[in-house]
Amino acid sequence: MSPRASASAAAETRSGIVEAAVDQASVEGLESVTIGRLAGKLEMSKAGVIGPFGSKERLQLATLEAAIDRFRHDVWEPVEGEEPGLKRLEAICDAWLKHLTGNTFPGGCFLTQTAAEFDGREGPVRDRIADYSRLWEKVLAKETRTAVENGELPKGTDPGQVAFELNALAQGTNQAIQLRGEAGARDRGRRAMRRAIGLD
């Protein structure tokens, strides 16, 4: 096998391991992702599973990054072309709710689940979750600030508060869907989010 083909095969193996880990973690949590379970599921040796990562923590971080990429693909990329401000903020809310109620992850919103799982812990995994959460709230706050500057929202609107509320509403909507199985959770979430950005 040529070096290029070997590198391609290694990348494909790594990607397959991460995708399996993402699906498992979305249902059972990142701590459920063990080398032994993945090896059994993928019909690989334990050495073959851990080899591309070097440690369980690095595997968890790779799994988290893959989940973040899926979130960006579902929620941010579809709205990048929208006009900045209220129009984009509304589109973000709709894409976010679609993400929460879609089939991206078997166990619902991966980031909501892992945030709850790691919020009282320390270490690189917890830090990365916190960093991305802060980054996403900054995106929401920026769009809110732009909407205020455009005259689409009242001058006294607090962008940080709007971002905080939208994030909290998304987490609550995910819980209503996944934990309580509420059929109307998406509609309730949409009404609440629209209210938070001054549309209802």
N, C-alpha and C. Protein backbone atom coordinates (compact mmCIF):
# COMPACT_ATOMS: atom_id res chain seq x y z
N MET A 1 0.84 -1.19 0.00
CA MET A 1 0.00 0.00 0.00
C MET A 1 0.89 1.26 0.00
N SER A 2 0.55 2.21 -0.86
CA SER A 2 1.33 3.43 -0.95
C SER A 2 1.12 4.29 0.29
N PRO A 3 2.06 5.21 0.59
CA PRO A 3 1.90 6.10 1.75
C PRO A 3 0.60 6.89 1.69
N ARG A 4 0.22 7.36 0.49
CA ARG A 4 -1.01 8.14 0.37
C ARG A 4 -2.23 7.29 0.68
N ALA A 5 -2.26 6.07 0.15
CA ALA A 5 -3.38 5.17 0.41
C ALA A 5 -3.44 4.79 1.88
N SER A 6 -2.26 4.58 2.46
CA SER A 6 -2.19 4.24 3.88
C SER A 6 -2.73 5.37 4.74
N ALA A 7 -2.36 6.61 4.41
CA ALA A 7 -2.84 7.77 5.17
C ALA A 7 -4.34 7.93 5.01
N SER A 8 -4.84 7.69 3.81
CA SER A 8 -6.28 7.79 3.56
C SER A 8 -7.05 6.74 4.35
N ALA A 9 -6.51 5.53 4.39
CA ALA A 9 -7.16 4.45 5.15
C ALA A 9 -7.15 4.77 6.64
N ALA A 10 -6.05 5.34 7.13
CA ALA A 10 -5.96 5.69 8.55
C ALA A 10 -6.97 6.77 8.91
N ALA A 11 -7.11 7.76 8.00
CA ALA A 11 -8.07 8.85 8.24
C ALA A 11 -9.49 8.31 8.23
N GLU A 12 -9.77 7.37 7.33
CA GLU A 12 -11.11 6.78 7.25
C GLU A 12 -11.41 5.98 8.52
N THR A 13 -10.41 5.24 9.00
CA THR A 13 -10.59 4.47 10.24
C THR A 13 -10.86 5.40 11.41
N ARG A 14 -10.08 6.46 11.51
CA ARG A 14 -10.24 7.43 12.60
C ARG A 14 -11.63 8.06 12.55
N SER A 15 -12.06 8.43 11.36
CA SER A 15 -13.37 9.05 11.18
C SER A 15 -14.49 8.09 11.60
N GLY A 16 -14.36 6.81 11.22
CA GLY A 16 -15.37 5.82 11.59
C GLY A 16 -15.46 5.63 13.09
N ILE A 17 -14.31 5.64 13.77
CA ILE A 17 -14.28 5.50 15.23
C ILE A 17 -14.98 6.70 15.88
N VAL A 18 -14.66 7.89 15.40
CA VAL A 18 -15.25 9.11 15.97
C VAL A 18 -16.76 9.15 15.76
N GLU A 19 -17.21 8.79 14.57
CA GLU A 19 -18.64 8.81 14.29
C GLU A 19 -19.40 7.84 15.20
N ALA A 20 -18.83 6.67 15.41
CA ALA A 20 -19.46 5.70 16.32
C ALA A 20 -19.47 6.24 17.75
N ALA A 21 -18.41 6.91 18.14
CA ALA A 21 -18.32 7.49 19.48
C ALA A 21 -19.34 8.60 19.67
N VAL A 22 -19.53 9.44 18.65
CA VAL A 22 -20.50 10.53 18.73
C VAL A 22 -21.90 9.97 18.95
N ASP A 23 -22.28 8.98 18.16
CA ASP A 23 -23.62 8.42 18.29
C ASP A 23 -23.84 7.79 19.67
N GLN A 24 -22.84 7.08 20.15
CA GLN A 24 -22.96 6.45 21.47
C GLN A 24 -23.03 7.51 22.57
N ALA A 25 -22.15 8.51 22.49
CA ALA A 25 -22.09 9.53 23.53
C ALA A 25 -23.35 10.38 23.57
N SER A 26 -24.01 10.58 22.43
CA SER A 26 -25.22 11.40 22.42
C SER A 26 -26.34 10.76 23.22
N VAL A 27 -26.29 9.44 23.35
CA VAL A 27 -27.32 8.71 24.11
C VAL A 27 -26.87 8.45 25.54
N GLU A 28 -25.60 8.05 25.72
CA GLU A 28 -25.14 7.58 27.03
C GLU A 28 -24.11 8.49 27.70
N GLY A 29 -23.67 9.54 27.02
CA GLY A 29 -22.68 10.44 27.61
C GLY A 29 -21.27 10.10 27.15
N LEU A 30 -20.40 11.11 27.22
CA LEU A 30 -19.02 10.91 26.77
C LEU A 30 -18.27 9.88 27.62
N GLU A 31 -18.59 9.81 28.90
CA GLU A 31 -17.90 8.84 29.76
C GLU A 31 -18.22 7.40 29.38
N SER A 32 -19.34 7.21 28.66
CA SER A 32 -19.71 5.85 28.23
C SER A 32 -18.83 5.36 27.10
N VAL A 33 -18.13 6.29 26.47
CA VAL A 33 -17.29 5.94 25.32
C VAL A 33 -16.00 5.30 25.83
N THR A 34 -15.95 3.99 25.79
CA THR A 34 -14.76 3.27 26.24
C THR A 34 -14.13 2.55 25.05
N ILE A 35 -12.87 2.32 25.16
CA ILE A 35 -12.13 1.65 24.08
C ILE A 35 -12.71 0.25 23.83
N GLY A 36 -13.02 -0.45 24.92
CA GLY A 36 -13.54 -1.81 24.79
C GLY A 36 -14.87 -1.86 24.07
N ARG A 37 -15.79 -0.96 24.43
CA ARG A 37 -17.12 -0.96 23.80
C ARG A 37 -17.03 -0.59 22.32
N LEU A 38 -16.20 0.39 22.02
CA LEU A 38 -16.05 0.77 20.62
C LEU A 38 -15.40 -0.34 19.81
N ALA A 39 -14.41 -1.00 20.40
CA ALA A 39 -13.74 -2.10 19.71
C ALA A 39 -14.74 -3.20 19.37
N GLY A 40 -15.61 -3.52 20.33
CA GLY A 40 -16.62 -4.54 20.08
C GLY A 40 -17.61 -4.13 19.01
N LYS A 41 -18.06 -2.87 19.08
CA LYS A 41 -19.04 -2.37 18.11
C LYS A 41 -18.47 -2.32 16.70
N LEU A 42 -17.22 -1.92 16.59
CA LEU A 42 -16.61 -1.75 15.28
C LEU A 42 -15.85 -2.99 14.81
N GLU A 43 -15.84 -4.01 15.66
CA GLU A 43 -15.13 -5.26 15.36
C GLU A 43 -13.65 -4.97 15.08
N MET A 44 -13.06 -4.24 15.99
CA MET A 44 -11.65 -3.89 15.90
C MET A 44 -10.96 -4.30 17.19
N SER A 45 -9.65 -4.30 17.16
CA SER A 45 -8.91 -4.54 18.39
C SER A 45 -8.90 -3.25 19.22
N LYS A 46 -8.67 -3.38 20.53
CA LYS A 46 -8.57 -2.19 21.37
C LYS A 46 -7.41 -1.31 20.93
N ALA A 47 -6.32 -1.92 20.54
CA ALA A 47 -5.16 -1.16 20.07
C ALA A 47 -5.49 -0.38 18.80
N GLY A 48 -6.32 -1.00 17.95
CA GLY A 48 -6.71 -0.33 16.71
C GLY A 48 -7.60 0.88 16.96
N VAL A 49 -8.40 0.80 18.03
CA VAL A 49 -9.28 1.92 18.36
C VAL A 49 -8.51 3.06 19.01
N ILE A 50 -7.67 2.74 19.97
CA ILE A 50 -6.96 3.79 20.72
C ILE A 50 -5.79 4.37 19.92
N GLY A 51 -5.26 3.60 18.97
CA GLY A 51 -4.08 4.01 18.22
C GLY A 51 -4.14 5.40 17.60
N PRO A 52 -5.24 5.75 16.90
CA PRO A 52 -5.28 7.07 16.25
C PRO A 52 -5.37 8.25 17.23
N PHE A 53 -5.63 7.97 18.51
CA PHE A 53 -5.86 9.04 19.48
C PHE A 53 -4.81 9.08 20.60
N GLY A 54 -4.41 7.93 21.07
CA GLY A 54 -3.38 7.87 22.12
C GLY A 54 -3.91 7.79 23.52
N SER A 55 -5.13 8.27 23.74
CA SER A 55 -5.71 8.21 25.08
C SER A 55 -7.22 8.37 24.98
N LYS A 56 -7.92 7.97 26.04
CA LYS A 56 -9.37 8.12 26.07
C LYS A 56 -9.75 9.60 26.03
N GLU A 57 -9.00 10.44 26.72
CA GLU A 57 -9.32 11.87 26.74
C GLU A 57 -9.23 12.48 25.35
N ARG A 58 -8.21 12.09 24.59
CA ARG A 58 -8.08 12.62 23.23
C ARG A 58 -9.20 12.10 22.33
N LEU A 59 -9.63 10.88 22.57
CA LEU A 59 -10.78 10.35 21.84
C LEU A 59 -12.03 11.15 22.19
N GLN A 60 -12.22 11.47 23.47
CA GLN A 60 -13.36 12.28 23.88
C GLN A 60 -13.33 13.66 23.22
N LEU A 61 -12.16 14.27 23.16
CA LEU A 61 -12.02 15.58 22.54
C LEU A 61 -12.32 15.51 21.04
N ALA A 62 -11.85 14.46 20.39
CA ALA A 62 -12.14 14.29 18.96
C ALA A 62 -13.63 14.08 18.74
N THR A 63 -14.25 13.35 19.64
CA THR A 63 -15.69 13.12 19.56
C THR A 63 -16.45 14.43 19.74
N LEU A 64 -16.03 15.22 20.69
CA LEU A 64 -16.65 16.51 20.93
C LEU A 64 -16.51 17.43 19.72
N GLU A 65 -15.33 17.47 19.12
CA GLU A 65 -15.11 18.33 17.95
C GLU A 65 -16.00 17.90 16.79
N ALA A 66 -16.18 16.60 16.63
CA ALA A 66 -17.06 16.10 15.56
C ALA A 66 -18.50 16.53 15.81
N ALA A 67 -18.92 16.51 17.07
CA ALA A 67 -20.28 16.94 17.41
C ALA A 67 -20.45 18.44 17.18
N ILE A 68 -19.43 19.22 17.50
CA ILE A 68 -19.46 20.66 17.26
C ILE A 68 -19.57 20.93 15.76
N ASP A 69 -18.84 20.16 14.96
CA ASP A 69 -18.91 20.32 13.50
C ASP A 69 -20.33 20.04 12.99
N ARG A 70 -20.98 19.03 13.55
CA ARG A 70 -22.35 18.73 13.15
C ARG A 70 -23.29 19.88 13.53
N PHE A 71 -23.07 20.44 14.72
CA PHE A 71 -23.90 21.57 15.16
C PHE A 71 -23.73 22.75 14.21
N ARG A 72 -22.48 23.08 13.88
CA ARG A 72 -22.21 24.18 12.94
C ARG A 72 -22.89 23.91 11.60
N HIS A 73 -22.79 22.68 11.12
CA HIS A 73 -23.37 22.31 9.84
C HIS A 73 -24.89 22.50 9.84
N ASP A 74 -25.52 22.15 10.94
CA ASP A 74 -26.98 22.23 11.04
C ASP A 74 -27.47 23.65 11.33
N VAL A 75 -26.77 24.36 12.21
CA VAL A 75 -27.33 25.60 12.75
C VAL A 75 -26.69 26.86 12.17
N TRP A 76 -25.39 26.88 11.97
CA TRP A 76 -24.74 28.10 11.50
C TRP A 76 -24.63 28.17 9.97
N GLU A 77 -24.16 27.10 9.36
CA GLU A 77 -23.91 27.16 7.92
C GLU A 77 -25.16 27.51 7.09
N PRO A 78 -26.36 27.01 7.45
CA PRO A 78 -27.55 27.36 6.65
C PRO A 78 -27.93 28.84 6.73
N VAL A 79 -27.46 29.56 7.76
CA VAL A 79 -27.90 30.95 7.95
C VAL A 79 -26.80 31.97 7.65
N GLU A 80 -25.61 31.51 7.31
CA GLU A 80 -24.49 32.43 7.06
C GLU A 80 -24.83 33.50 6.03
N GLY A 81 -25.61 33.12 5.04
CA GLY A 81 -25.94 34.05 3.97
C GLY A 81 -27.08 34.99 4.27
N GLU A 82 -27.72 34.82 5.41
CA GLU A 82 -28.84 35.70 5.78
C GLU A 82 -28.32 37.09 6.16
N GLU A 83 -29.17 38.07 6.02
CA GLU A 83 -28.81 39.43 6.40
C GLU A 83 -28.53 39.49 7.90
N PRO A 84 -27.37 40.05 8.30
CA PRO A 84 -27.04 40.13 9.73
C PRO A 84 -28.10 40.92 10.50
N GLY A 85 -28.28 40.52 11.74
CA GLY A 85 -29.27 41.19 12.58
C GLY A 85 -30.46 40.30 12.86
N LEU A 86 -31.63 40.90 12.92
CA LEU A 86 -32.82 40.16 13.34
C LEU A 86 -33.18 39.03 12.38
N LYS A 87 -33.01 39.25 11.08
CA LYS A 87 -33.35 38.20 10.12
C LYS A 87 -32.48 36.97 10.33
N ARG A 88 -31.18 37.19 10.52
CA ARG A 88 -30.29 36.05 10.76
C ARG A 88 -30.57 35.42 12.12
N LEU A 89 -30.88 36.25 13.12
CA LEU A 89 -31.17 35.73 14.45
C LEU A 89 -32.40 34.82 14.43
N GLU A 90 -33.42 35.24 13.70
CA GLU A 90 -34.62 34.41 13.56
C GLU A 90 -34.28 33.11 12.83
N ALA A 91 -33.46 33.20 11.80
CA ALA A 91 -33.07 32.00 11.04
C ALA A 91 -32.26 31.05 11.92
N ILE A 92 -31.41 31.60 12.79
CA ILE A 92 -30.64 30.77 13.72
C ILE A 92 -31.58 30.00 14.62
N CYS A 93 -32.59 30.69 15.16
CA CYS A 93 -33.54 30.03 16.06
C CYS A 93 -34.25 28.88 15.35
N ASP A 94 -34.69 29.10 14.12
CA ASP A 94 -35.39 28.05 13.37
C ASP A 94 -34.46 26.88 13.07
N ALA A 95 -33.21 27.17 12.67
CA ALA A 95 -32.25 26.10 12.38
C ALA A 95 -31.90 25.33 13.65
N TRP A 96 -31.79 26.04 14.75
CA TRP A 96 -31.46 25.43 16.04
C TRP A 96 -32.56 24.46 16.47
N LEU A 97 -33.81 24.90 16.34
CA LEU A 97 -34.93 24.03 16.71
C LEU A 97 -35.02 22.82 15.79
N LYS A 98 -34.72 23.02 14.51
CA LYS A 98 -34.69 21.88 13.58
C LYS A 98 -33.61 20.89 14.00
N HIS A 99 -32.47 21.42 14.42
CA HIS A 99 -31.38 20.58 14.91
C HIS A 99 -31.81 19.78 16.13
N LEU A 100 -32.51 20.42 17.05
CA LEU A 100 -32.93 19.75 18.28
C LEU A 100 -33.95 18.64 18.03
N THR A 101 -34.77 18.82 17.00
CA THR A 101 -35.84 17.85 16.75
C THR A 101 -35.53 16.92 15.57
N GLY A 102 -34.36 17.08 14.97
CA GLY A 102 -33.99 16.26 13.83
C GLY A 102 -33.27 14.98 14.22
N ASN A 103 -32.58 14.41 13.24
CA ASN A 103 -31.92 13.12 13.43
C ASN A 103 -30.39 13.23 13.46
N THR A 104 -29.89 14.43 13.78
CA THR A 104 -28.44 14.61 13.78
C THR A 104 -27.76 13.69 14.78
N PHE A 105 -28.35 13.59 15.97
CA PHE A 105 -27.82 12.72 17.02
C PHE A 105 -28.93 11.80 17.53
N PRO A 106 -28.63 10.53 17.76
CA PRO A 106 -29.66 9.61 18.27
C PRO A 106 -30.23 10.03 19.62
N GLY A 107 -29.42 10.71 20.45
CA GLY A 107 -29.87 11.06 21.79
C GLY A 107 -30.21 12.51 21.99
N GLY A 108 -30.49 13.25 20.91
CA GLY A 108 -30.79 14.66 21.05
C GLY A 108 -29.55 15.52 21.00
N CYS A 109 -29.64 16.75 21.50
CA CYS A 109 -28.54 17.70 21.39
C CYS A 109 -27.30 17.23 22.15
N PHE A 110 -26.26 16.93 21.43
CA PHE A 110 -25.02 16.42 22.02
C PHE A 110 -24.42 17.43 22.98
N LEU A 111 -24.38 18.69 22.58
CA LEU A 111 -23.73 19.71 23.40
C LEU A 111 -24.48 19.97 24.70
N THR A 112 -25.81 19.90 24.65
CA THR A 112 -26.59 20.04 25.88
C THR A 112 -26.29 18.90 26.84
N GLN A 113 -26.24 17.70 26.29
CA GLN A 113 -25.97 16.53 27.12
C GLN A 113 -24.58 16.57 27.76
N THR A 114 -23.58 16.90 26.95
CA THR A 114 -22.22 16.89 27.50
C THR A 114 -21.99 18.07 28.45
N ALA A 115 -22.68 19.17 28.22
CA ALA A 115 -22.56 20.31 29.15
C ALA A 115 -23.05 19.90 30.53
N ALA A 116 -24.16 19.18 30.58
CA ALA A 116 -24.69 18.71 31.87
C ALA A 116 -23.77 17.66 32.49
N GLU A 117 -23.19 16.83 31.65
CA GLU A 117 -22.33 15.74 32.12
C GLU A 117 -21.02 16.25 32.72
N PHE A 118 -20.48 17.34 32.15
CA PHE A 118 -19.15 17.80 32.55
C PHE A 118 -19.15 19.13 33.30
N ASP A 119 -20.31 19.69 33.59
CA ASP A 119 -20.31 21.04 34.16
C ASP A 119 -19.65 21.14 35.54
N GLY A 120 -19.63 20.05 36.30
CA GLY A 120 -19.01 20.09 37.62
C GLY A 120 -17.62 19.49 37.66
N ARG A 121 -17.04 19.25 36.51
CA ARG A 121 -15.74 18.59 36.45
C ARG A 121 -14.64 19.57 36.06
N GLU A 122 -13.44 19.07 35.98
CA GLU A 122 -12.31 19.85 35.52
C GLU A 122 -11.60 19.08 34.42
N GLY A 123 -10.85 19.81 33.60
CA GLY A 123 -10.06 19.15 32.58
C GLY A 123 -10.34 19.69 31.19
N PRO A 124 -9.57 19.23 30.21
CA PRO A 124 -9.66 19.73 28.84
C PRO A 124 -11.02 19.55 28.18
N VAL A 125 -11.71 18.45 28.47
CA VAL A 125 -13.02 18.22 27.85
C VAL A 125 -14.02 19.25 28.35
N ARG A 126 -14.07 19.42 29.66
CA ARG A 126 -14.97 20.42 30.25
C ARG A 126 -14.63 21.81 29.73
N ASP A 127 -13.34 22.13 29.63
CA ASP A 127 -12.92 23.46 29.18
C ASP A 127 -13.35 23.71 27.73
N ARG A 128 -13.24 22.70 26.89
CA ARG A 128 -13.62 22.87 25.48
C ARG A 128 -15.13 23.08 25.35
N ILE A 129 -15.91 22.34 26.13
CA ILE A 129 -17.36 22.52 26.11
C ILE A 129 -17.71 23.94 26.54
N ALA A 130 -17.08 24.41 27.61
CA ALA A 130 -17.34 25.76 28.11
C ALA A 130 -16.93 26.82 27.08
N ASP A 131 -15.77 26.62 26.45
CA ASP A 131 -15.29 27.58 25.45
C ASP A 131 -16.27 27.69 24.29
N TYR A 132 -16.77 26.56 23.80
CA TYR A 132 -17.67 26.62 22.66
C TYR A 132 -19.02 27.22 23.06
N SER A 133 -19.46 26.93 24.27
CA SER A 133 -20.70 27.52 24.76
C SER A 133 -20.59 29.04 24.81
N ARG A 134 -19.45 29.52 25.32
CA ARG A 134 -19.23 30.97 25.37
C ARG A 134 -19.16 31.57 23.96
N LEU A 135 -18.49 30.87 23.06
CA LEU A 135 -18.36 31.35 21.68
C LEU A 135 -19.74 31.47 21.02
N TRP A 136 -20.58 30.46 21.23
CA TRP A 136 -21.91 30.47 20.61
C TRP A 136 -22.76 31.61 21.17
N GLU A 137 -22.67 31.84 22.48
CA GLU A 137 -23.43 32.96 23.05
C GLU A 137 -22.91 34.29 22.50
N LYS A 138 -21.62 34.38 22.20
CA LYS A 138 -21.08 35.61 21.60
C LYS A 138 -21.66 35.82 20.20
N VAL A 139 -21.83 34.72 19.45
CA VAL A 139 -22.44 34.82 18.12
C VAL A 139 -23.87 35.35 18.25
N LEU A 140 -24.62 34.80 19.19
CA LEU A 140 -26.00 35.24 19.40
C LEU A 140 -26.06 36.69 19.83
N ALA A 141 -25.15 37.07 20.74
CA ALA A 141 -25.11 38.45 21.22
C ALA A 141 -24.75 39.41 20.09
N LYS A 142 -23.82 39.01 19.23
CA LYS A 142 -23.41 39.86 18.11
C LYS A 142 -24.58 40.12 17.18
N GLU A 143 -25.34 39.09 16.86
CA GLU A 143 -26.49 39.27 15.97
C GLU A 143 -27.54 40.15 16.63
N THR A 144 -27.72 40.00 17.93
CA THR A 144 -28.67 40.83 18.66
C THR A 144 -28.21 42.29 18.64
N ARG A 145 -26.92 42.50 18.87
CA ARG A 145 -26.36 43.86 18.86
C ARG A 145 -26.55 44.50 17.49
N THR A 146 -26.35 43.73 16.45
CA THR A 146 -26.55 44.24 15.09
C THR A 146 -28.01 44.62 14.87
N ALA A 147 -28.92 43.79 15.39
CA ALA A 147 -30.35 44.08 15.25
C ALA A 147 -30.71 45.38 15.96
N VAL A 148 -30.09 45.63 17.10
CA VAL A 148 -30.31 46.89 17.82
C VAL A 148 -29.78 48.06 17.00
N GLU A 149 -28.58 47.92 16.45
CA GLU A 149 -27.96 48.97 15.64
C GLU A 149 -28.78 49.26 14.39
N ASN A 150 -29.45 48.21 13.85
CA ASN A 150 -30.28 48.37 12.66
C ASN A 150 -31.65 48.96 12.97
N GLY A 151 -31.94 49.12 14.26
CA GLY A 151 -33.26 49.62 14.65
C GLY A 151 -34.33 48.55 14.64
N GLU A 152 -33.91 47.28 14.57
CA GLU A 152 -34.87 46.16 14.54
C GLU A 152 -35.30 45.74 15.94
N LEU A 153 -34.50 46.08 16.94
CA LEU A 153 -34.81 45.81 18.34
C LEU A 153 -34.63 47.12 19.12
N PRO A 154 -35.34 47.29 20.23
CA PRO A 154 -35.24 48.52 21.02
C PRO A 154 -33.81 48.80 21.48
N LYS A 155 -33.47 50.06 21.62
CA LYS A 155 -32.12 50.47 22.01
C LYS A 155 -31.71 49.90 23.37
N GLY A 156 -32.64 49.70 24.26
CA GLY A 156 -32.29 49.20 25.59
C GLY A 156 -32.09 47.70 25.67
N THR A 157 -32.19 47.00 24.54
CA THR A 157 -32.04 45.54 24.53
C THR A 157 -30.63 45.14 24.95
N ASP A 158 -30.54 44.19 25.85
CA ASP A 158 -29.25 43.69 26.34
C ASP A 158 -28.87 42.45 25.51
N PRO A 159 -27.89 42.55 24.60
CA PRO A 159 -27.51 41.42 23.76
C PRO A 159 -27.09 40.19 24.55
N GLY A 160 -26.37 40.40 25.65
CA GLY A 160 -25.94 39.26 26.47
C GLY A 160 -27.12 38.54 27.09
N GLN A 161 -28.12 39.29 27.50
CA GLN A 161 -29.31 38.68 28.09
C GLN A 161 -30.09 37.87 27.06
N VAL A 162 -30.23 38.42 25.86
CA VAL A 162 -30.92 37.70 24.79
C VAL A 162 -30.19 36.39 24.47
N ALA A 163 -28.86 36.46 24.37
CA ALA A 163 -28.08 35.26 24.08
C ALA A 163 -28.25 34.22 25.18
N PHE A 164 -28.22 34.68 26.44
CA PHE A 164 -28.40 33.78 27.58
C PHE A 164 -29.76 33.11 27.51
N GLU A 165 -30.79 33.88 27.24
CA GLU A 165 -32.15 33.33 27.20
C GLU A 165 -32.33 32.33 26.07
N LEU A 166 -31.79 32.64 24.89
CA LEU A 166 -31.91 31.72 23.77
C LEU A 166 -31.23 30.39 24.07
N ASN A 167 -30.05 30.45 24.68
CA ASN A 167 -29.34 29.22 25.03
C ASN A 167 -30.12 28.41 26.06
N ALA A 168 -30.66 29.11 27.06
CA ALA A 168 -31.45 28.43 28.09
C ALA A 168 -32.71 27.81 27.49
N LEU A 169 -33.34 28.51 26.57
CA LEU A 169 -34.56 28.00 25.93
C LEU A 169 -34.27 26.77 25.08
N ALA A 170 -33.13 26.77 24.39
CA ALA A 170 -32.76 25.60 23.59
C ALA A 170 -32.52 24.40 24.48
N GLN A 171 -31.85 24.60 25.62
CA GLN A 171 -31.62 23.50 26.54
C GLN A 171 -32.93 22.97 27.12
N GLY A 172 -33.82 23.89 27.46
CA GLY A 172 -35.11 23.46 27.99
C GLY A 172 -35.95 22.72 26.96
N THR A 173 -35.88 23.19 25.72
CA THR A 173 -36.61 22.51 24.64
C THR A 173 -36.08 21.10 24.42
N ASN A 174 -34.76 20.97 24.43
CA ASN A 174 -34.15 19.65 24.26
C ASN A 174 -34.59 18.70 25.38
N GLN A 175 -34.62 19.20 26.60
CA GLN A 175 -35.05 18.36 27.72
C GLN A 175 -36.51 17.95 27.57
N ALA A 176 -37.36 18.89 27.15
CA ALA A 176 -38.77 18.56 26.96
C ALA A 176 -38.96 17.48 25.91
N ILE A 177 -38.11 17.53 24.87
CA ILE A 177 -38.20 16.53 23.80
C ILE A 177 -37.65 15.19 24.25
N GLN A 178 -36.43 15.20 24.79
CA GLN A 178 -35.73 13.95 25.09
C GLN A 178 -36.17 13.30 26.39
N LEU A 179 -36.35 14.10 27.44
CA LEU A 179 -36.68 13.54 28.75
C LEU A 179 -38.17 13.29 28.92
N ARG A 180 -38.98 14.25 28.47
CA ARG A 180 -40.42 14.15 28.71
C ARG A 180 -41.22 13.75 27.48
N GLY A 181 -40.59 13.74 26.32
CA GLY A 181 -41.28 13.31 25.11
C GLY A 181 -42.47 14.16 24.74
N GLU A 182 -42.37 15.46 24.96
CA GLU A 182 -43.50 16.36 24.70
C GLU A 182 -43.62 16.65 23.21
N ALA A 183 -44.76 16.30 22.65
CA ALA A 183 -44.97 16.47 21.21
C ALA A 183 -44.95 17.93 20.78
N GLY A 184 -45.40 18.82 21.65
CA GLY A 184 -45.47 20.23 21.29
C GLY A 184 -44.25 21.04 21.70
N ALA A 185 -43.17 20.38 22.08
CA ALA A 185 -41.99 21.08 22.60
C ALA A 185 -41.37 22.02 21.56
N ARG A 186 -41.31 21.58 20.32
CA ARG A 186 -40.70 22.42 19.29
C ARG A 186 -41.49 23.73 19.11
N ASP A 187 -42.82 23.61 19.05
CA ASP A 187 -43.65 24.81 18.89
C ASP A 187 -43.52 25.74 20.09
N ARG A 188 -43.50 25.15 21.28
CA ARG A 188 -43.32 25.97 22.48
C ARG A 188 -41.96 26.68 22.47
N GLY A 189 -40.94 25.91 22.08
CA GLY A 189 -39.61 26.49 22.00
C GLY A 189 -39.55 27.63 20.99
N ARG A 190 -40.21 27.46 19.86
CA ARG A 190 -40.19 28.50 18.83
C ARG A 190 -40.89 29.76 19.33
N ARG A 191 -42.03 29.60 19.97
CA ARG A 191 -42.73 30.77 20.50
C ARG A 191 -41.89 31.50 21.53
N ALA A 192 -41.23 30.73 22.40
CA ALA A 192 -40.40 31.33 23.44
C ALA A 192 -39.19 32.05 22.84
N MET A 193 -38.56 31.44 21.84
CA MET A 193 -37.41 32.08 21.21
C MET A 193 -37.81 33.34 20.47
N ARG A 194 -38.92 33.31 19.78
CA ARG A 194 -39.39 34.49 19.05
C ARG A 194 -39.70 35.62 20.04
N ARG A 195 -40.25 35.25 21.17
CA ARG A 195 -40.53 36.27 22.21
C ARG A 195 -39.23 36.87 22.71
N ALA A 196 -38.21 36.04 22.87
CA ALA A 196 -36.92 36.51 23.38
C ALA A 196 -36.24 37.49 22.43
N ILE A 197 -36.52 37.35 21.13
CA ILE A 197 -35.90 38.28 20.17
C ILE A 197 -36.90 39.33 19.68
N GLY A 198 -37.99 39.48 20.41
CA GLY A 198 -38.92 40.56 20.15
C GLY A 198 -39.85 40.38 18.97
N LEU A 199 -40.10 39.15 18.55
CA LEU A 199 -40.96 38.90 17.41
C LEU A 199 -42.38 38.53 17.80
N ASP A 200 -42.62 38.25 19.07
CA ASP A 200 -43.98 37.93 19.53
C ASP A 200 -44.32 38.81 20.73
